[in-house]
Amino acid sequence: MEKLKDKNIIIIGGGITGLTLLHFLRQKYAQRPEVTISLFEKNIQAGGSIHTLERSGARFECGPNGFLDNKEITLRLIRDLSLNEELVTANEESALRSISLNNRLHRLPTGPKDLWKSTLFNTYEKLRFFSEPLVGRSEKPAESVYDFVKRRFGSRAAEYLADPFVSGIYAGDARNILMKAAFPQVQQWEKDYGSVLKAMQARKQSEVAPPMPKLTSFKRGMGQIIETLSKKYEENLRIKETVIKVFHRQDRYVVGTEKETFKADELFICTPAYASSGMLRSLDGEIADDLAYMAYAPVVVLGLLVPDNIFDIKPEGFGYLIPSSQNKEILGVLFESNIFPYRAPKGHLLMRVILGGVRYADIFHKSKKELMEMAFTEIETTFHTRGSSPLTKIDLQKVAVETFYITWEKAIPQYDQVNAQMNAHIDLKLKRFRDLYLLGNYRSGVSFNDCIESAFQYSQRSSL
């Protein structure tokens, strides 16, 4: 019997995309011992932005705090890892979400009845919202999220809904983020039904309509899935191994690290665009330039663990977002312990304050002390704090049990016109390179589910 040819697969980047890709490739080649798979990660641990810190009885998320349970490939991965029993769904009260205007919270409407009661819009603006089915389709190929919502629902909806929603997901500017890239399904609804509201109503009345997705996480936080993947595939991981360059030699890829070089028959690069640019410069300068052009939003994530009995106004629900018209460096505040169980000790509230984004790209010019003071001032101004008597005001900073401070200088890729153009160029240029794949959250979506779906799809491209 002819001996099978050895094959070496290298994955660069140990975020959720790279780890998930490793998982699916290991499954695919489980019965093929001649296939070797290695994952290179420059940091002391894998996971990228997904990491859960545990201090003072609190579990604080450095990156995403959960995912929607409506993607089968994500649920399959969780089953593969035997993590089903570790899943937790968001508390019902977290369905309440708000927008902050002039330090006053306004509940986001969840349906027509709520919209009529909403304090976010006046009567004319509410009527404009319901007239959406009368608005014609647009043929503009590169319409921004802001312009799409303004055209279909009015300028106030764009300002108070689209603007903060995009800053909450992308830390970006709704005027620049493309609708077709960020929310392709909603844009498709317009094409199919001529109306977003008609599409939503049709889906609601459909006998095969899927159930509403639930925000989901793990009992020990999102870091639990990273820990599980890292432990399961420990033998495949090369931690603290920085890739400096990639080049091509004799029909194979050569991966050069700070220590040595490795040869690969297939190469999957799962690092951010700016990191991929540097290592690919030796292979193809044009692809490297395209990657370097892509913009990322800077983000600071602050955590505050405080007693829950010090507020005049109880922080309720999921949290709130702040429109750019408010001219604040703070994008929003999430009430983490309201959203998921096991996030804070009894009698305490864990808050996560998000600052920066593209609208405040110079956020890192401020010191840690200044940023923490901004977060405390935001909470005190919005909810008020009280001491032992109604006339006594509490200094929130002094009663905080624990604080967390995380910085991401290049946190979230911006799905703008440049991103779309550069990805299109990259797709064309990659055709010259067999068995070289670029994937990550700058290519196929920024969410946890998007990254897992992308990893699975790319694993199917691998072949002997």
Protein backbone atom coordinates (compact mmCIF):
# COMPACT_ATOMS: atom_id res chain seq x y z
CA MET A 1 0.00 0.00 0.00
CA GLU A 2 1.37 3.42 -0.96
CA LYS A 3 2.38 5.59 1.98
CA LEU A 4 0.30 8.77 2.29
CA LYS A 5 2.20 12.00 1.83
CA ASP A 6 2.79 14.01 4.98
CA LYS A 7 0.97 17.34 5.18
CA ASN A 8 1.71 20.26 7.47
CA ILE A 9 -0.98 22.85 8.24
CA ILE A 10 -0.10 26.04 10.12
CA ILE A 11 -2.60 28.44 11.72
CA ILE A 12 -1.35 31.87 12.78
CA GLY A 13 -3.42 33.59 15.47
CA GLY A 14 -5.04 32.03 18.50
CA GLY A 15 -8.18 34.09 18.89
CA ILE A 16 -11.61 32.44 18.73
CA THR A 17 -11.30 32.17 14.92
CA GLY A 18 -7.94 30.38 15.03
CA LEU A 19 -8.88 28.09 17.91
CA THR A 20 -12.18 27.13 16.28
CA LEU A 21 -10.43 26.50 12.96
CA LEU A 22 -7.98 24.23 14.79
CA HIS A 23 -10.90 22.33 16.30
CA PHE A 24 -12.65 21.72 12.97
CA LEU A 25 -9.42 20.79 11.20
CA ARG A 26 -8.56 18.32 13.95
CA GLN A 27 -12.00 16.78 13.53
CA LYS A 28 -11.61 16.65 9.76
CA TYR A 29 -8.26 14.88 9.90
CA ALA A 30 -8.87 12.79 13.01
CA GLN A 31 -8.13 9.59 11.10
CA ARG A 32 -5.18 11.00 9.15
CA PRO A 33 -2.02 10.80 11.31
CA GLU A 34 0.10 12.07 8.41
CA VAL A 35 -1.51 15.52 8.79
CA THR A 36 0.18 17.81 11.32
CA ILE A 37 -1.59 20.96 12.53
CA SER A 38 0.11 23.71 14.53
CA LEU A 39 -1.27 27.02 15.82
CA PHE A 40 1.08 29.93 16.55
CA GLU A 41 0.02 32.53 19.13
CA LYS A 42 2.25 35.42 20.18
CA ASN A 43 0.64 36.08 23.57
CA ILE A 44 1.05 34.12 26.79
CA GLN A 45 -2.43 32.67 26.29
CA ALA A 46 -4.83 32.12 23.42
CA GLY A 47 -8.23 33.75 23.09
CA GLY A 48 -7.57 37.21 21.70
CA SER A 49 -10.06 39.67 23.16
CA ILE A 50 -12.10 36.89 24.80
CA HIS A 51 -10.90 36.68 28.38
CA THR A 52 -12.74 36.63 31.71
CA LEU A 53 -11.11 38.18 34.77
CA GLU A 54 -12.15 36.89 38.20
CA ARG A 55 -11.56 39.16 41.20
CA SER A 56 -13.44 39.90 44.43
CA GLY A 57 -16.16 37.43 43.49
CA ALA A 58 -16.83 39.16 40.16
CA ARG A 59 -16.40 37.84 36.62
CA PHE A 60 -15.50 40.63 34.24
CA GLU A 61 -15.42 40.24 30.45
CA CYS A 62 -12.53 41.91 28.64
CA GLY A 63 -14.26 41.39 25.28
CA PRO A 64 -17.69 40.12 24.21
CA ASN A 65 -20.01 39.21 27.07
CA GLY A 66 -22.06 36.65 25.15
CA PHE A 67 -23.48 35.40 21.86
CA LEU A 68 -26.87 34.69 20.33
CA ASP A 69 -27.96 31.04 20.41
CA ASN A 70 -29.34 31.01 16.85
CA LYS A 71 -26.31 29.67 14.96
CA GLU A 72 -26.14 25.89 14.64
CA ILE A 73 -22.40 25.80 14.02
CA THR A 74 -21.77 27.60 17.33
CA LEU A 75 -24.06 25.18 19.16
CA ARG A 76 -22.29 22.29 17.45
CA LEU A 77 -18.92 23.56 18.67
CA ILE A 78 -20.30 23.80 22.20
CA ARG A 79 -21.62 20.24 22.00
CA ASP A 80 -18.28 19.04 20.67
CA LEU A 81 -16.60 20.54 23.72
CA SER A 82 -19.21 19.12 26.16
CA LEU A 83 -20.05 22.62 27.38
CA ASN A 84 -23.84 22.33 27.02
CA GLU A 85 -24.39 22.15 30.74
CA GLU A 86 -22.24 25.24 31.24
CA LEU A 87 -24.46 27.54 29.19
CA VAL A 88 -26.44 30.33 30.82
CA THR A 89 -29.00 32.58 29.15
CA ALA A 90 -29.49 36.24 29.89
CA ASN A 91 -31.94 37.17 32.62
CA GLU A 92 -35.35 38.29 31.40
CA GLU A 93 -34.87 41.78 32.80
CA SER A 94 -31.95 42.33 30.46
CA ALA A 95 -34.45 42.74 27.61
CA LEU A 96 -34.85 46.31 28.92
CA ARG A 97 -32.37 48.56 27.13
CA SER A 98 -32.06 52.31 27.17
CA ILE A 99 -30.66 55.38 25.44
CA SER A 100 -29.14 58.18 27.51
CA LEU A 101 -30.04 61.76 26.57
CA ASN A 102 -28.87 64.57 28.82
CA ASN A 103 -28.09 61.98 31.53
CA ARG A 104 -31.68 60.74 31.51
CA LEU A 105 -32.46 57.18 30.44
CA HIS A 106 -35.16 56.49 27.85
CA ARG A 107 -36.27 52.92 27.33
CA LEU A 108 -35.86 51.49 23.88
CA PRO A 109 -39.23 50.36 22.49
CA THR A 110 -39.53 46.64 21.81
CA GLY A 111 -42.74 46.82 19.80
CA PRO A 112 -45.46 49.14 18.41
CA LYS A 113 -47.15 49.68 21.78
CA ASP A 114 -43.87 50.57 23.43
CA LEU A 115 -43.06 52.97 20.60
CA TRP A 116 -46.26 54.98 21.20
CA LYS A 117 -45.29 55.31 24.88
CA SER A 118 -41.64 56.09 24.17
CA THR A 119 -40.15 59.35 25.39
CA LEU A 120 -37.45 59.16 22.73
CA PHE A 121 -39.71 60.40 19.92
CA ASN A 122 -42.46 62.96 19.50
CA THR A 123 -45.78 62.18 17.81
CA TYR A 124 -44.61 63.17 14.33
CA GLU A 125 -41.49 61.04 14.64
CA LYS A 126 -43.55 58.05 15.76
CA LEU A 127 -45.89 58.46 12.79
CA ARG A 128 -42.85 58.74 10.53
CA PHE A 129 -41.62 55.44 11.92
CA PHE A 130 -44.89 53.66 11.05
CA SER A 131 -44.91 55.15 7.54
CA GLU A 132 -41.79 53.11 6.68
CA PRO A 133 -43.71 50.68 4.38
CA LEU A 134 -44.44 53.65 2.09
CA VAL A 135 -40.76 54.37 1.52
CA GLY A 136 -39.33 53.10 -1.76
CA ARG A 137 -36.34 50.82 -2.17
CA SER A 138 -32.88 52.27 -2.66
CA GLU A 139 -30.51 51.23 -5.41
CA LYS A 140 -27.51 52.84 -3.73
CA PRO A 141 -24.91 50.05 -3.42
CA ALA A 142 -22.85 51.57 -0.61
CA GLU A 143 -25.44 53.09 1.71
CA SER A 144 -24.37 53.70 5.30
CA VAL A 145 -26.33 52.38 8.26
CA TYR A 146 -27.21 55.94 9.25
CA ASP A 147 -28.49 56.84 5.78
CA PHE A 148 -30.46 53.60 5.49
CA VAL A 149 -32.28 54.16 8.79
CA LYS A 150 -32.79 57.88 8.11
CA ARG A 151 -34.31 57.13 4.70
CA ARG A 152 -36.63 54.45 5.97
CA PHE A 153 -37.52 55.68 9.49
CA GLY A 154 -36.53 59.33 9.75
CA SER A 155 -33.61 61.39 11.03
CA ARG A 156 -34.46 60.98 14.71
CA ALA A 157 -34.44 57.19 14.40
CA ALA A 158 -31.03 57.42 12.74
CA GLU A 159 -29.70 59.65 15.51
CA TYR A 160 -31.15 57.82 18.52
CA LEU A 161 -31.20 54.23 17.25
CA ALA A 162 -28.75 53.63 14.39
CA ASP A 163 -26.01 55.87 15.74
CA PRO A 164 -25.71 54.38 19.27
CA PHE A 165 -26.42 50.85 18.05
CA VAL A 166 -23.46 50.97 15.65
CA SER A 167 -21.22 52.49 18.32
CA GLY A 168 -22.28 49.69 20.66
CA ILE A 169 -21.35 46.92 18.21
CA TYR A 170 -18.48 48.42 16.21
CA ALA A 171 -17.44 51.41 18.36
CA GLY A 172 -17.88 53.05 14.97
CA ASP A 173 -19.65 55.84 13.12
CA ALA A 174 -23.02 54.85 11.65
CA ARG A 175 -22.42 57.40 8.89
CA ASN A 176 -19.45 55.37 7.64
CA ILE A 177 -20.35 51.76 8.43
CA LEU A 178 -21.94 50.13 5.38
CA MET A 179 -25.38 48.63 5.71
CA LYS A 180 -24.60 45.77 3.32
CA ALA A 181 -21.52 44.81 5.35
CA ALA A 182 -22.80 45.30 8.89
CA PHE A 183 -26.46 44.29 8.59
CA PRO A 184 -26.90 42.48 5.26
CA GLN A 185 -30.03 40.64 6.40
CA VAL A 186 -31.93 43.86 7.12
CA GLN A 187 -30.90 45.27 3.75
CA GLN A 188 -32.13 42.05 2.14
CA TRP A 189 -35.48 42.49 3.85
CA GLU A 190 -35.90 45.78 2.01
CA LYS A 191 -35.11 44.08 -1.30
CA ASP A 192 -37.44 41.13 -0.69
CA TYR A 193 -40.38 42.88 0.97
CA GLY A 194 -39.90 46.54 0.07
CA SER A 195 -40.12 47.31 3.78
CA VAL A 196 -38.31 46.36 6.98
CA LEU A 197 -41.54 46.45 9.00
CA LYS A 198 -43.34 44.27 6.46
CA ALA A 199 -40.49 41.78 6.56
CA MET A 200 -40.55 41.64 10.36
CA GLN A 201 -44.31 41.13 10.37
CA ALA A 202 -44.11 38.39 7.72
CA ARG A 203 -41.42 36.57 9.69
CA LYS A 204 -43.47 36.88 12.86
CA GLN A 205 -46.56 35.40 11.21
CA SER A 206 -44.69 32.61 9.43
CA GLU A 207 -45.41 29.11 10.71
CA VAL A 208 -41.74 28.24 10.31
CA ALA A 209 -40.44 31.42 11.92
CA PRO A 210 -37.47 30.62 14.16
CA PRO A 211 -37.73 31.46 17.87
CA MET A 212 -36.22 34.72 19.03
CA PRO A 213 -32.52 34.19 19.74
CA LYS A 214 -31.35 34.43 23.33
CA LEU A 215 -28.21 36.10 24.54
CA THR A 216 -26.08 33.30 25.96
CA SER A 217 -22.78 32.84 27.78
CA PHE A 218 -21.06 30.35 30.08
CA LYS A 219 -21.26 29.97 33.85
CA ARG A 220 -17.65 31.05 34.26
CA GLY A 221 -17.78 33.65 31.52
CA MET A 222 -16.79 33.65 27.86
CA GLY A 223 -13.25 32.74 28.80
CA GLN A 224 -14.50 29.26 29.64
CA ILE A 225 -14.70 28.21 25.98
CA ILE A 226 -11.18 29.53 25.37
CA GLU A 227 -9.84 27.56 28.32
CA THR A 228 -11.59 24.42 27.07
CA LEU A 229 -10.26 24.73 23.52
CA SER A 230 -6.75 25.57 24.73
CA LYS A 231 -6.61 22.58 27.05
CA LYS A 232 -8.10 20.19 24.50
CA TYR A 233 -5.57 21.12 21.83
CA GLU A 234 -2.60 21.97 24.03
CA GLU A 235 -0.31 19.75 21.96
CA ASN A 236 -1.10 21.76 18.82
CA LEU A 237 -0.45 25.18 20.35
CA ARG A 238 2.81 27.09 20.13
CA ILE A 239 2.21 29.85 22.70
CA LYS A 240 4.44 32.95 22.92
CA GLU A 241 5.70 32.31 19.40
CA THR A 242 5.56 35.49 17.33
CA VAL A 243 5.46 35.15 13.56
CA ILE A 244 7.66 37.78 11.93
CA LYS A 245 7.24 37.00 8.25
CA VAL A 246 5.74 34.60 5.73
CA PHE A 247 7.22 33.83 2.32
CA HIS A 248 7.01 31.22 -0.42
CA ARG A 249 9.72 28.73 -1.32
CA GLN A 250 9.54 25.62 -3.51
CA ASP A 251 5.73 25.41 -3.53
CA ARG A 252 5.52 25.62 0.26
CA TYR A 253 5.00 28.47 2.68
CA VAL A 254 7.74 29.33 5.13
CA VAL A 255 6.70 30.82 8.46
CA GLY A 256 9.48 32.67 10.21
CA THR A 257 9.23 33.32 13.94
CA GLU A 258 11.63 35.01 16.34
CA LYS A 259 13.16 31.59 17.01
CA GLU A 260 13.14 29.53 13.81
CA THR A 261 11.33 28.79 10.53
CA PHE A 262 8.58 26.28 9.75
CA LYS A 263 7.23 24.94 6.47
CA ALA A 264 3.52 24.68 5.67
CA ASP A 265 1.57 23.05 2.87
CA GLU A 266 -1.51 25.02 3.92
CA LEU A 267 -1.43 28.32 5.76
CA PHE A 268 -4.35 29.97 7.56
CA ILE A 269 -3.72 33.49 8.88
CA CYS A 270 -6.26 34.45 11.55
CA THR A 271 -4.60 37.56 12.97
CA PRO A 272 -6.02 41.12 12.75
CA ALA A 273 -5.52 42.95 9.46
CA TYR A 274 -2.71 45.17 10.77
CA ALA A 275 -0.78 42.18 12.18
CA SER A 276 -1.32 40.13 9.03
CA SER A 277 0.00 43.06 6.98
CA GLY A 278 3.38 43.01 8.67
CA MET A 279 4.00 39.29 8.34
CA LEU A 280 2.81 39.15 4.70
CA ARG A 281 4.97 42.02 3.44
CA SER A 282 7.70 39.58 2.33
CA LEU A 283 5.15 37.47 0.42
CA ASP A 284 3.08 40.13 -1.33
CA GLY A 285 3.41 43.87 -0.78
CA GLU A 286 0.04 44.68 -2.37
CA ILE A 287 -1.90 42.41 -0.02
CA ALA A 288 0.11 43.84 2.89
CA ASP A 289 -0.84 47.39 1.83
CA ASP A 290 -4.53 46.48 1.54
CA LEU A 291 -4.50 45.04 5.04
CA ALA A 292 -2.70 48.07 6.46
CA TYR A 293 -5.38 50.45 5.12
CA MET A 294 -8.15 48.88 7.20
CA ALA A 295 -9.28 50.97 10.16
CA TYR A 296 -9.86 49.76 13.72
CA ALA A 297 -11.63 51.55 16.56
CA PRO A 298 -9.81 52.10 19.87
CA VAL A 299 -11.72 51.03 22.98
CA VAL A 300 -11.22 51.26 26.73
CA VAL A 301 -13.27 48.89 28.87
CA LEU A 302 -13.69 49.76 32.56
CA GLY A 303 -15.36 47.63 35.20
CA LEU A 304 -16.89 48.83 38.47
CA LEU A 305 -18.03 46.47 41.22
CA VAL A 306 -20.09 48.42 43.74
CA PRO A 307 -22.72 47.78 46.44
CA ASP A 308 -26.18 47.75 44.86
CA ASN A 309 -27.88 49.70 47.66
CA ILE A 310 -26.21 53.06 47.09
CA PHE A 311 -28.25 54.32 44.15
CA ASP A 312 -31.22 56.67 44.22
CA ILE A 313 -32.16 55.33 40.80
CA LYS A 314 -31.70 51.58 40.52
CA PRO A 315 -29.75 50.53 37.39
CA GLU A 316 -32.18 48.23 35.59
CA GLY A 317 -32.00 46.01 32.55
CA PHE A 318 -29.16 45.46 30.13
CA GLY A 319 -27.67 48.93 30.24
CA TYR A 320 -27.68 51.99 28.01
CA LEU A 321 -26.00 53.51 24.95
CA ILE A 322 -25.12 57.15 24.37
CA PRO A 323 -25.67 58.81 20.96
CA SER A 324 -22.78 60.78 19.50
CA SER A 325 -24.88 63.95 19.67
CA GLN A 326 -24.31 63.90 23.45
CA ASN A 327 -20.57 64.57 22.87
CA LYS A 328 -19.35 62.10 25.45
CA GLU A 329 -16.26 59.90 25.30
CA ILE A 330 -18.39 57.16 26.87
CA LEU A 331 -20.22 54.96 24.36
CA GLY A 332 -22.37 53.11 26.85
CA VAL A 333 -22.70 51.28 30.15
CA LEU A 334 -23.67 47.61 30.60
CA PHE A 335 -25.04 46.19 33.84
CA GLU A 336 -23.24 42.87 33.63
CA SER A 337 -24.64 41.33 36.81
CA ASN A 338 -28.18 42.18 35.65
CA ILE A 339 -27.58 40.37 32.37
CA PHE A 340 -26.06 37.07 33.48
CA PRO A 341 -25.99 35.13 36.76
CA TYR A 342 -22.64 34.41 38.44
CA ARG A 343 -21.18 37.79 37.45
CA ALA A 344 -21.12 39.53 40.84
CA PRO A 345 -21.40 38.55 44.51
CA LYS A 346 -24.78 38.97 46.20
CA GLY A 347 -25.59 42.55 47.09
CA HIS A 348 -23.32 43.99 44.43
CA LEU A 349 -23.62 45.35 40.90
CA LEU A 350 -20.97 44.86 38.23
CA MET A 351 -20.95 47.55 35.56
CA ARG A 352 -18.94 47.71 32.36
CA VAL A 353 -18.25 51.17 30.94
CA ILE A 354 -17.15 51.40 27.29
CA LEU A 355 -15.18 54.46 26.15
CA GLY A 356 -13.52 55.66 22.95
CA GLY A 357 -14.42 54.37 19.53
CA VAL A 358 -13.75 56.14 16.25
CA ARG A 359 -15.49 59.29 17.41
CA TYR A 360 -12.91 59.65 20.21
CA ALA A 361 -9.86 58.08 18.63
CA ASP A 362 -7.55 60.03 20.96
CA ILE A 363 -8.96 58.34 24.06
CA PHE A 364 -5.53 56.98 24.99
CA HIS A 365 -4.22 60.50 25.46
CA LYS A 366 -6.01 60.40 28.79
CA SER A 367 -4.52 58.66 31.79
CA LYS A 368 -6.01 55.66 33.53
CA LYS A 369 -6.93 57.89 36.46
CA GLU A 370 -8.76 60.35 34.19
CA LEU A 371 -10.67 57.57 32.46
CA MET A 372 -11.70 55.95 35.73
CA GLU A 373 -12.90 59.31 37.04
CA MET A 374 -14.96 59.77 33.86
CA ALA A 375 -16.61 56.40 34.43
CA PHE A 376 -17.43 57.12 38.07
CA THR A 377 -18.80 60.57 37.18
CA GLU A 378 -21.02 59.06 34.47
CA ILE A 379 -22.57 56.57 36.90
CA GLU A 380 -22.99 59.11 39.72
CA THR A 381 -24.61 61.65 37.36
CA THR A 382 -27.00 59.15 35.78
CA PHE A 383 -28.10 57.21 38.86
CA HIS A 384 -27.11 59.37 41.85
CA THR A 385 -25.60 57.86 44.97
CA ARG A 386 -26.66 58.20 48.56
CA GLY A 387 -25.15 57.73 51.98
CA SER A 388 -26.77 56.85 55.29
CA SER A 389 -29.12 59.84 54.94
CA PRO A 390 -30.92 61.27 51.89
CA LEU A 391 -28.74 64.40 52.08
CA THR A 392 -25.44 62.53 52.03
CA LYS A 393 -23.83 61.85 48.68
CA ILE A 394 -21.49 58.89 48.35
CA ASP A 395 -18.19 59.11 46.51
CA LEU A 396 -18.62 56.07 44.26
CA GLN A 397 -14.90 55.71 43.76
CA LYS A 398 -14.36 55.23 47.50
CA VAL A 399 -17.02 52.53 47.93
CA ALA A 400 -16.06 50.53 44.83
CA VAL A 401 -15.13 47.00 45.88
CA GLU A 402 -13.15 46.31 42.69
CA THR A 403 -12.24 48.02 39.43
CA PHE A 404 -11.11 46.62 36.10
CA TYR A 405 -9.20 48.42 33.34
CA ILE A 406 -8.72 46.99 29.84
CA THR A 407 -7.38 48.82 26.79
CA TRP A 408 -7.68 47.84 23.14
CA GLU A 409 -5.83 50.31 20.91
CA LYS A 410 -7.14 48.52 17.82
CA ALA A 411 -10.27 46.80 19.06
CA ILE A 412 -12.88 46.44 16.33
CA PRO A 413 -12.49 46.56 12.53
CA GLN A 414 -14.62 49.15 10.79
CA TYR A 415 -16.90 47.79 8.07
CA ASP A 416 -16.69 50.93 5.97
CA GLN A 417 -16.11 51.54 2.27
CA VAL A 418 -12.34 51.08 2.63
CA ASN A 419 -12.79 47.72 4.35
CA ALA A 420 -15.10 46.55 1.55
CA GLN A 421 -12.73 47.67 -1.20
CA MET A 422 -9.62 46.23 0.45
CA ASN A 423 -11.28 42.86 1.07
CA ALA A 424 -12.38 42.73 -2.57
CA HIS A 425 -8.81 43.45 -3.69
CA ILE A 426 -7.44 40.82 -1.33
CA ASP A 427 -9.84 38.18 -2.65
CA LEU A 428 -8.57 38.79 -6.18
CA LYS A 429 -4.90 38.74 -5.22
CA LEU A 430 -5.20 35.60 -3.10
CA LYS A 431 -6.10 33.66 -6.24
CA ARG A 432 -2.40 33.74 -7.06
CA PHE A 433 -1.59 31.82 -3.89
CA ARG A 434 -2.81 28.29 -3.53
CA ASP A 435 -3.59 27.04 -0.02
CA LEU A 436 -3.17 30.47 1.58
CA TYR A 437 -6.19 31.74 3.51
CA LEU A 438 -6.87 35.00 5.36
CA LEU A 439 -9.72 35.00 7.82
CA GLY A 440 -10.79 36.90 10.88
CA ASN A 441 -13.29 39.44 12.13
CA TYR A 442 -12.23 42.04 9.54
CA ARG A 443 -13.36 39.66 6.77
CA SER A 444 -16.63 37.95 7.67
CA GLY A 445 -18.24 39.71 10.63
CA VAL A 446 -17.18 40.82 14.10
CA SER A 447 -19.45 38.71 16.31
CA PHE A 448 -18.53 35.51 18.15
CA ASN A 449 -20.91 33.57 15.88
CA ASP A 450 -19.44 35.16 12.75
CA CYS A 451 -15.93 34.08 13.71
CA ILE A 452 -17.00 30.49 14.37
CA GLU A 453 -18.96 30.28 11.12
CA SER A 454 -15.98 31.65 9.20
CA ALA A 455 -13.61 29.16 10.84
CA PHE A 456 -15.87 26.27 9.92
CA GLN A 457 -16.26 27.39 6.30
CA TYR A 458 -12.51 27.79 5.87
CA SER A 459 -11.85 24.38 7.44
CA GLN A 460 -13.89 22.89 4.59
CA ARG A 461 -11.49 24.40 2.04
CA SER A 462 -8.61 22.34 3.38
CA SER A 463 -7.93 19.22 1.31
CA LEU A 464 -5.29 16.52 0.92
